[in-house]
C-alpha atoms as a PDB file:
ATOM      1  CA  MET A   1     274.968 -79.003 112.680  1.00  0.00           C
ATOM      2  CA  ALA A   2     271.440 -77.586 112.297  1.00  0.00           C
ATOM      3  CA  ASP A   3     271.672 -73.795 111.952  1.00  0.00           C
ATOM      4  CA  ARG A   4     274.514 -73.405 114.461  1.00  0.00           C
ATOM      5  CA  LYS A   5     277.384 -71.291 113.193  1.00  0.00           C
ATOM      6  CA  PRO A   6     280.748 -73.028 113.765  1.00  0.00           C
ATOM      7  CA  TYR A   7     282.875 -71.515 116.518  1.00  0.00           C
ATOM      8  CA  VAL A   8     286.633 -71.948 116.873  1.00  0.00           C
ATOM      9  CA  ALA A   9     288.527 -70.477 119.823  1.00  0.00           C
ATOM     10  CA  GLY A  10     292.272 -70.421 120.338  1.00  0.00           C
ATOM     11  CA  ASN A  11     293.452 -71.062 123.896  1.00  0.00           C
ATOM     12  CA  TRP A  12     297.017 -69.782 124.047  1.00  0.00           C
ATOM     13  CA  LYS A  13     297.521 -71.049 127.615  1.00  0.00           C
ATOM     14  CA  MET A  14     300.773 -69.770 129.211  1.00  0.00           C
ATOM     15  CA  HIS A  15     302.421 -68.754 125.955  1.00  0.00           C
ATOM     16  CA  THR A  16     303.382 -65.413 124.348  1.00  0.00           C
ATOM     17  CA  THR A  17     304.568 -62.076 125.599  1.00  0.00           C
ATOM     18  CA  PRO A  18     302.396 -59.046 124.748  1.00  0.00           C
ATOM     19  CA  ALA A  19     304.545 -58.308 121.679  1.00  0.00           C
ATOM     20  CA  GLU A  20     304.383 -61.927 120.489  1.00  0.00           C
ATOM     21  CA  ALA A  21     300.653 -62.062 121.157  1.00  0.00           C
ATOM     22  CA  ALA A  22     300.001 -58.895 119.174  1.00  0.00           C
ATOM     23  CA  LYS A  23     301.933 -60.280 116.191  1.00  0.00           C
ATOM     24  CA  LEU A  24     300.076 -63.593 116.337  1.00  0.00           C
ATOM     25  CA  ALA A  25     296.689 -61.898 116.611  1.00  0.00           C
ATOM     26  CA  GLN A  26     297.484 -59.539 113.745  1.00  0.00           C
ATOM     27  CA  GLY A  27     298.369 -62.531 111.585  1.00  0.00           C
ATOM     28  CA  VAL A  28     295.078 -64.267 112.380  1.00  0.00           C
ATOM     29  CA  VAL A  29     293.040 -61.128 111.756  1.00  0.00           C
ATOM     30  CA  LYS A  30     294.733 -60.516 108.404  1.00  0.00           C
ATOM     31  CA  ALA A  31     294.268 -64.128 107.255  1.00  0.00           C
ATOM     32  CA  LEU A  32     290.581 -64.145 108.207  1.00  0.00           C
ATOM     33  CA  GLU A  33     289.784 -60.639 106.998  1.00  0.00           C
ATOM     34  CA  CYS A  34     287.182 -61.740 104.461  1.00  0.00           C
ATOM     35  CA  PHE A  35     286.116 -64.952 106.179  1.00  0.00           C
ATOM     36  CA  ALA A  36     282.777 -64.866 107.990  1.00  0.00           C
ATOM     37  CA  ALA A  37     281.652 -68.495 107.900  1.00  0.00           C
ATOM     38  CA  CYS A  38     282.907 -69.243 111.407  1.00  0.00           C
ATOM     39  CA  ASP A  39     282.978 -67.368 114.716  1.00  0.00           C
ATOM     40  CA  VAL A  40     286.505 -66.975 116.067  1.00  0.00           C
ATOM     41  CA  ALA A  41     287.934 -66.074 119.475  1.00  0.00           C
ATOM     42  CA  LEU A  42     291.507 -65.620 120.679  1.00  0.00           C
ATOM     43  CA  CYS A  43     292.196 -66.289 124.371  1.00  0.00           C
ATOM     44  CA  PRO A  44     295.686 -65.075 125.356  1.00  0.00           C
ATOM     45  CA  PRO A  45     297.178 -64.855 128.872  1.00  0.00           C
ATOM     46  CA  TYR A  46     295.886 -62.002 131.035  1.00  0.00           C
ATOM     47  CA  VAL A  47     298.977 -59.847 130.479  1.00  0.00           C
ATOM     48  CA  CYS A  48     298.411 -60.017 126.711  1.00  0.00           C
ATOM     49  CA  LEU A  49     294.711 -59.124 126.679  1.00  0.00           C
ATOM     50  CA  ALA A  50     295.265 -55.424 125.977  1.00  0.00           C
ATOM     51  CA  ALA A  51     297.701 -56.119 123.133  1.00  0.00           C
ATOM     52  CA  VAL A  52     295.433 -58.680 121.494  1.00  0.00           C
ATOM     53  CA  GLY A  53     292.427 -56.446 122.107  1.00  0.00           C
ATOM     54  CA  ASP A  54     294.118 -53.710 120.093  1.00  0.00           C
ATOM     55  CA  ALA A  55     294.798 -56.185 117.269  1.00  0.00           C
ATOM     56  CA  VAL A  56     291.227 -57.504 117.025  1.00  0.00           C
ATOM     57  CA  ARG A  57     289.355 -54.256 117.701  1.00  0.00           C
ATOM     58  CA  GLY A  58     286.934 -53.467 114.886  1.00  0.00           C
ATOM     59  CA  THR A  59     287.112 -57.017 113.505  1.00  0.00           C
ATOM     60  CA  SER A  60     284.839 -60.023 113.918  1.00  0.00           C
ATOM     61  CA  VAL A  61     287.444 -61.851 116.037  1.00  0.00           C
ATOM     62  CA  LYS A  62     286.430 -62.038 119.700  1.00  0.00           C
ATOM     63  CA  LEU A  63     288.765 -61.358 122.607  1.00  0.00           C
ATOM     64  CA  GLY A  64     288.616 -64.126 125.209  1.00  0.00           C
ATOM     65  CA  ALA A  65     290.135 -64.784 128.621  1.00  0.00           C
ATOM     66  CA  GLN A  66     291.283 -68.138 129.965  1.00  0.00           C
ATOM     67  CA  ASN A  67     289.589 -67.923 133.360  1.00  0.00           C
ATOM     68  CA  CYS A  68     287.696 -65.605 135.697  1.00  0.00           C
ATOM     69  CA  HIS A  69     286.817 -65.383 139.382  1.00  0.00           C
ATOM     70  CA  GLY A  70     283.163 -65.504 140.360  1.00  0.00           C
ATOM     71  CA  GLU A  71     283.214 -62.436 142.616  1.00  0.00           C
ATOM     72  CA  ILE A  72     283.211 -58.847 141.352  1.00  0.00           C
ATOM     73  CA  GLN A  73     286.078 -57.798 143.626  1.00  0.00           C
ATOM     74  CA  GLY A  74     287.689 -58.672 146.935  1.00  0.00           C
ATOM     75  CA  ALA A  75     290.694 -60.082 148.743  1.00  0.00           C
ATOM     76  CA  PHE A  76     291.500 -62.746 146.161  1.00  0.00           C
ATOM     77  CA  THR A  77     295.181 -62.286 145.395  1.00  0.00           C
ATOM     78  CA  GLY A  78     296.119 -63.398 141.897  1.00  0.00           C
ATOM     79  CA  GLU A  79     292.533 -63.514 140.613  1.00  0.00           C
ATOM     80  CA  VAL A  80     290.784 -61.438 137.946  1.00  0.00           C
ATOM     81  CA  SER A  81     287.071 -60.582 137.876  1.00  0.00           C
ATOM     82  CA  ALA A  82     284.538 -60.360 135.071  1.00  0.00           C
ATOM     83  CA  PRO A  83     284.220 -56.544 135.295  1.00  0.00           C
ATOM     84  CA  MET A  84     288.012 -56.252 134.952  1.00  0.00           C
ATOM     85  CA  LEU A  85     287.977 -58.452 131.860  1.00  0.00           C
ATOM     86  CA  LYS A  86     285.061 -56.586 130.344  1.00  0.00           C
ATOM     87  CA  ALA A  87     286.872 -53.283 130.879  1.00  0.00           C
ATOM     88  CA  VAL A  88     289.743 -54.386 128.629  1.00  0.00           C
ATOM     89  CA  GLY A  89     287.426 -55.585 125.864  1.00  0.00           C
ATOM     90  CA  VAL A  90     286.981 -59.279 126.705  1.00  0.00           C
ATOM     91  CA  THR A  91     283.693 -60.716 125.468  1.00  0.00           C
ATOM     92  CA  THR A  92     284.098 -64.418 126.268  1.00  0.00           C
ATOM     93  CA  VAL A  93     285.745 -66.470 129.026  1.00  0.00           C
ATOM     94  CA  ILE A  94     286.937 -70.082 129.180  1.00  0.00           C
ATOM     95  CA  LEU A  95     285.825 -71.804 132.390  1.00  0.00           C
ATOM     96  CA  GLY A  96     286.611 -75.201 133.878  1.00  0.00           C
ATOM     97  CA  HIS A  97     289.475 -76.153 131.584  1.00  0.00           C
ATOM     98  CA  SER A  98     290.915 -79.509 132.609  1.00  0.00           C
ATOM     99  CA  GLU A  99     294.294 -77.923 133.346  1.00  0.00           C
ATOM    100  CA  ARG A 100     292.581 -75.616 135.853  1.00  0.00           C
ATOM    101  CA  ARG A 101     290.832 -78.601 137.417  1.00  0.00           C
ATOM    102  CA  GLN A 102     293.914 -80.838 137.377  1.00  0.00           C
ATOM    103  CA  PHE A 103     296.674 -78.445 138.437  1.00  0.00           C
ATOM    104  CA  PHE A 104     294.825 -75.788 140.443  1.00  0.00           C
ATOM    105  CA  GLY A 105     292.085 -77.747 142.163  1.00  0.00           C
ATOM    106  CA  GLU A 106     289.117 -76.113 140.487  1.00  0.00           C
ATOM    107  CA  THR A 107     285.870 -77.951 141.176  1.00  0.00           C
ATOM    108  CA  ASP A 108     282.479 -78.303 139.518  1.00  0.00           C
ATOM    109  CA  ALA A 109     281.076 -75.970 142.187  1.00  0.00           C
ATOM    110  CA  GLY A 110     283.776 -73.436 141.380  1.00  0.00           C
ATOM    111  CA  VAL A 111     282.967 -73.586 137.670  1.00  0.00           C
ATOM    112  CA  HIS A 112     279.318 -72.943 138.503  1.00  0.00           C
ATOM    113  CA  ALA A 113     280.214 -69.912 140.654  1.00  0.00           C
ATOM    114  CA  ARG A 114     282.515 -68.501 137.987  1.00  0.00           C
ATOM    115  CA  LEU A 115     279.858 -68.952 135.330  1.00  0.00           C
ATOM    116  CA  LYS A 116     277.433 -66.959 137.476  1.00  0.00           C
ATOM    117  CA  GLY A 117     279.912 -64.106 137.662  1.00  0.00           C
ATOM    118  CA  VAL A 118     280.629 -64.156 133.931  1.00  0.00           C
ATOM    119  CA  LEU A 119     276.979 -64.208 132.872  1.00  0.00           C
ATOM    120  CA  ALA A 120     276.055 -61.521 135.390  1.00  0.00           C
ATOM    121  CA  GLU A 121     278.505 -59.214 133.645  1.00  0.00           C
ATOM    122  CA  GLY A 122     276.984 -59.934 130.225  1.00  0.00           C
ATOM    123  CA  LEU A 123     279.963 -61.926 128.971  1.00  0.00           C
ATOM    124  CA  GLU A 124     279.847 -65.172 127.013  1.00  0.00           C
ATOM    125  CA  ALA A 125     281.372 -68.381 128.352  1.00  0.00           C
ATOM    126  CA  ILE A 126     283.041 -71.518 127.049  1.00  0.00           C
ATOM    127  CA  VAL A 127     282.533 -74.196 129.708  1.00  0.00           C
ATOM    128  CA  CYS A 128     284.879 -77.191 129.459  1.00  0.00           C
ATOM    129  CA  VAL A 129     284.010 -80.766 130.369  1.00  0.00           C
ATOM    130  CA  GLY A 130     285.830 -84.047 129.777  1.00  0.00           C
ATOM    131  CA  GLU A 131     287.103 -87.316 131.185  1.00  0.00           C
ATOM    132  CA  THR A 132     290.581 -88.618 131.964  1.00  0.00           C
ATOM    133  CA  LEU A 133     292.114 -91.646 130.261  1.00  0.00           C
ATOM    134  CA  GLU A 134     291.516 -93.739 133.386  1.00  0.00           C
ATOM    135  CA  GLN A 135     287.855 -92.758 133.431  1.00  0.00           C
ATOM    136  CA  ARG A 136     287.448 -93.623 129.756  1.00  0.00           C
ATOM    137  CA  GLN A 137     289.097 -96.988 130.319  1.00  0.00           C
ATOM    138  CA  GLN A 138     286.651 -97.585 133.172  1.00  0.00           C
ATOM    139  CA  ASN A 139     283.763 -96.836 130.785  1.00  0.00           C
ATOM    140  CA  ILE A 140     282.470 -93.994 132.959  1.00  0.00           C
ATOM    141  CA  THR A 141     282.911 -91.173 130.432  1.00  0.00           C
ATOM    142  CA  LYS A 142     279.195 -90.371 130.361  1.00  0.00           C
ATOM    143  CA  ASP A 143     278.922 -90.471 134.160  1.00  0.00           C
ATOM    144  CA  VAL A 144     281.810 -88.011 134.510  1.00  0.00           C
ATOM    145  CA  VAL A 145     280.779 -85.670 131.715  1.00  0.00           C
ATOM    146  CA  GLY A 146     277.110 -85.822 132.704  1.00  0.00           C
ATOM    147  CA  HIS A 147     277.957 -84.797 136.266  1.00  0.00           C
ATOM    148  CA  GLN A 148     280.118 -81.917 135.047  1.00  0.00           C
ATOM    149  CA  VAL A 149     277.347 -80.629 132.758  1.00  0.00           C
ATOM    150  CA  ARG A 150     274.674 -80.844 135.462  1.00  0.00           C
ATOM    151  CA  ALA A 151     276.880 -79.197 138.079  1.00  0.00           C
ATOM    152  CA  ALA A 152     277.985 -76.347 135.807  1.00  0.00           C
ATOM    153  CA  PHE A 153     274.519 -75.407 134.571  1.00  0.00           C
ATOM    154  CA  ASN A 154     272.246 -76.251 137.494  1.00  0.00           C
ATOM    155  CA  GLY A 155     269.898 -73.361 138.234  1.00  0.00           C
ATOM    156  CA  PHE A 156     270.524 -71.424 135.041  1.00  0.00           C
ATOM    157  CA  THR A 157     267.753 -70.682 132.561  1.00  0.00           C
ATOM    158  CA  ALA A 158     267.442 -71.549 128.896  1.00  0.00           C
ATOM    159  CA  ALA A 159     267.737 -67.834 128.086  1.00  0.00           C
ATOM    160  CA  GLN A 160     271.072 -67.617 129.927  1.00  0.00           C
ATOM    161  CA  MET A 161     272.379 -70.593 127.972  1.00  0.00           C
ATOM    162  CA  ALA A 162     272.114 -68.587 124.757  1.00  0.00           C
ATOM    163  CA  THR A 163     275.541 -67.081 125.542  1.00  0.00           C
ATOM    164  CA  VAL A 164     277.178 -70.323 126.708  1.00  0.00           C
ATOM    165  CA  THR A 165     279.243 -72.733 124.618  1.00  0.00           C
ATOM    166  CA  VAL A 166     280.245 -76.169 125.882  1.00  0.00           C
ATOM    167  CA  ALA A 167     283.689 -77.522 125.034  1.00  0.00           C
ATOM    168  CA  TYR A 168     284.147 -81.280 125.255  1.00  0.00           C
ATOM    169  CA  GLU A 169     287.833 -81.903 125.880  1.00  0.00           C
ATOM    170  CA  PRO A 170     288.829 -85.481 126.660  1.00  0.00           C
ATOM    171  CA  VAL A 171     291.685 -84.897 129.097  1.00  0.00           C
ATOM    172  CA  TRP A 172     293.649 -87.779 127.629  1.00  0.00           C
ATOM    173  CA  ALA A 173     293.768 -86.012 124.263  1.00  0.00           C
ATOM    174  CA  ILE A 174     294.898 -82.557 125.405  1.00  0.00           C
ATOM    175  CA  GLY A 175     298.473 -81.870 124.377  1.00  0.00           C
ATOM    176  CA  THR A 176     299.220 -85.571 123.989  1.00  0.00           C
ATOM    177  CA  GLY A 177     298.922 -85.883 120.232  1.00  0.00           C
ATOM    178  CA  LEU A 178     296.081 -88.330 120.793  1.00  0.00           C
ATOM    179  CA  THR A 179     292.716 -87.398 119.355  1.00  0.00           C
ATOM    180  CA  ALA A 180     289.306 -88.892 119.908  1.00  0.00           C
ATOM    181  CA  SER A 181     288.081 -90.429 116.682  1.00  0.00           C
ATOM    182  CA  PRO A 182     285.267 -88.507 115.005  1.00  0.00           C
ATOM    183  CA  ALA A 183     282.885 -91.274 116.104  1.00  0.00           C
ATOM    184  CA  GLN A 184     284.117 -91.149 119.721  1.00  0.00           C
ATOM    185  CA  ALA A 185     283.837 -87.375 119.821  1.00  0.00           C
ATOM    186  CA  GLN A 186     280.410 -87.349 118.189  1.00  0.00           C
ATOM    187  CA  GLU A 187     279.101 -89.917 120.675  1.00  0.00           C
ATOM    188  CA  VAL A 188     279.986 -87.708 123.640  1.00  0.00           C
ATOM    189  CA  HIS A 189     278.805 -84.532 121.911  1.00  0.00           C
ATOM    190  CA  ALA A 190     275.436 -86.158 121.216  1.00  0.00           C
ATOM    191  CA  PHE A 191     275.281 -87.258 124.858  1.00  0.00           C
ATOM    192  CA  ILE A 192     275.990 -83.688 126.009  1.00  0.00           C
ATOM    193  CA  ARG A 193     273.302 -82.362 123.672  1.00  0.00           C
ATOM    194  CA  GLY A 194     270.897 -84.860 125.230  1.00  0.00           C
ATOM    195  CA  MET A 195     271.820 -83.589 128.697  1.00  0.00           C
ATOM    196  CA  LEU A 196     271.150 -80.024 127.565  1.00  0.00           C
ATOM    197  CA  ILE A 197     267.749 -81.070 126.202  1.00  0.00           C
ATOM    198  CA  GLN A 198     266.884 -82.495 129.632  1.00  0.00           C
ATOM    199  CA  GLN A 199     267.988 -79.312 131.402  1.00  0.00           C
ATOM    200  CA  PHE A 200     266.827 -76.588 129.025  1.00  0.00           C
ATOM    201  CA  GLY A 201     264.521 -78.106 126.417  1.00  0.00           C
ATOM    202  CA  PRO A 202     265.043 -79.028 122.758  1.00  0.00           C
ATOM    203  CA  ASP A 203     265.084 -75.505 121.310  1.00  0.00           C
ATOM    204  CA  ALA A 204     267.762 -74.138 123.648  1.00  0.00           C
ATOM    205  CA  ALA A 205     269.828 -77.316 123.327  1.00  0.00           C
ATOM    206  CA  ALA A 206     269.636 -77.264 119.533  1.00  0.00           C
ATOM    207  CA  ALA A 207     270.917 -73.681 119.500  1.00  0.00           C
ATOM    208  CA  MET A 208     273.857 -74.243 121.864  1.00  0.00           C
ATOM    209  CA  ARG A 209     277.260 -74.895 120.343  1.00  0.00           C
ATOM    210  CA  ILE A 210     279.464 -77.730 121.549  1.00  0.00           C
ATOM    211  CA  GLN A 211     283.129 -77.456 120.600  1.00  0.00           C
ATOM    212  CA  TYR A 212     285.630 -80.299 120.513  1.00  0.00           C
ATOM    213  CA  GLY A 213     289.091 -79.854 121.984  1.00  0.00           C
ATOM    214  CA  GLY A 214     291.966 -82.290 122.187  1.00  0.00           C
ATOM    215  CA  SER A 215     294.873 -82.215 119.728  1.00  0.00           C
ATOM    216  CA  VAL A 216     292.854 -80.754 116.861  1.00  0.00           C
ATOM    217  CA  LYS A 217     295.141 -80.194 113.868  1.00  0.00           C
ATOM    218  CA  PRO A 218     294.627 -78.963 110.291  1.00  0.00           C
ATOM    219  CA  ASN A 219     294.680 -82.565 109.070  1.00  0.00           C
ATOM    220  CA  ASN A 220     291.888 -83.826 111.343  1.00  0.00           C
ATOM    221  CA  ALA A 221     289.732 -80.737 111.871  1.00  0.00           C
ATOM    222  CA  LYS A 222     287.512 -81.181 108.827  1.00  0.00           C
ATOM    223  CA  GLU A 223     286.439 -84.704 109.729  1.00  0.00           C
ATOM    224  CA  LEU A 224     285.841 -83.799 113.366  1.00  0.00           C
ATOM    225  CA  PHE A 225     283.884 -80.653 112.560  1.00  0.00           C
ATOM    226  CA  SER A 226     281.729 -82.479 110.004  1.00  0.00           C
ATOM    227  CA  GLN A 227     280.048 -84.510 112.763  1.00  0.00           C
ATOM    228  CA  PRO A 228     276.441 -83.435 113.391  1.00  0.00           C
ATOM    229  CA  ASP A 229     276.914 -82.342 117.021  1.00  0.00           C
ATOM    230  CA  ILE A 230     280.445 -80.903 116.784  1.00  0.00           C
ATOM    231  CA  ASP A 231     280.235 -77.156 116.253  1.00  0.00           C
ATOM    232  CA  GLY A 232     283.893 -76.181 116.012  1.00  0.00           C
ATOM    233  CA  GLY A 233     286.803 -76.456 118.384  1.00  0.00           C
ATOM    234  CA  LEU A 234     288.700 -75.121 121.376  1.00  0.00           C
ATOM    235  CA  ILE A 235     292.235 -75.222 120.042  1.00  0.00           C
ATOM    236  CA  GLY A 236     295.407 -75.322 122.136  1.00  0.00           C
ATOM    237  CA  GLY A 237     298.860 -75.777 120.612  1.00  0.00           C
ATOM    238  CA  ALA A 238     297.766 -75.398 117.004  1.00  0.00           C
ATOM    239  CA  SER A 239     296.363 -71.943 117.775  1.00  0.00           C
ATOM    240  CA  LEU A 240     299.908 -70.642 118.340  1.00  0.00           C
ATOM    241  CA  LYS A 241     300.705 -70.843 114.622  1.00  0.00           C
ATOM    242  CA  VAL A 242     298.751 -68.553 112.320  1.00  0.00           C
ATOM    243  CA  GLU A 243     298.764 -70.953 109.384  1.00  0.00           C
ATOM    244  CA  ASP A 244     297.590 -73.935 111.439  1.00  0.00           C
ATOM    245  CA  PHE A 245     294.918 -72.032 113.329  1.00  0.00           C
ATOM    246  CA  VAL A 246     293.517 -70.409 110.205  1.00  0.00           C
ATOM    247  CA  ALA A 247     293.389 -73.798 108.458  1.00  0.00           C
ATOM    248  CA  ILE A 248     291.413 -75.204 111.400  1.00  0.00           C
ATOM    249  CA  VAL A 249     289.034 -72.252 111.378  1.00  0.00           C
ATOM    250  CA  LYS A 250     288.383 -72.689 107.681  1.00  0.00           C
ATOM    251  CA  ALA A 251     287.762 -76.406 108.218  1.00  0.00           C
ATOM    252  CA  GLY A 252     284.702 -75.413 110.216  1.00  0.00           C
ATOM    253  CA  ALA A 253     283.073 -73.641 107.291  1.00  0.00           C
END
């Protein structure tokens, strides 16, 4: 893992009310009070950002959002901008999650535009890439993931990449109970790192963190995170239980 500090983020998706989110965040903060070996972010739904922000304020736990529009403001009903997120204490934003691509038609070009908006506001980003089961069965995983990486980061500088994390999430493993084997995950992570070397040079690529996401659980996190190019995880369902999420975080140490 070179000198990269592990990074585990919890993506709560469309779960929790503000009261439930505050309780969950408070539990995570308390359990990780003296734990500094891993960076941690909690990414609740928009309506819970203020409640979770109150719970993590003054701690090392980052407040994250699950998406963001690329424009600062405008006639975009239902969207939220980077300045709005920043104003409520958000420091990092998930972009390009497969569920956004699959269910809401988000494109590689859209991810690129949203990343521009996030970085322009001084926020960090977690940019998701990954293939479907059909694409893996067709042996085009690297073609798909390579295209997503190039499209997301085209035109950005190595300096800008210092605040960007990549999350490799094989779509076939998200919420299915299936998990890429450590060897499968490492192969794609190493490929992504190679793509980053081509785009930004070896130093910037070596410093960037690449998370794994896709049915990470306490019982498989340690083996996944021990791979040389896996720098933590973007955690879905298991992040909704304090005990499970904390166990995964500590597996990254």
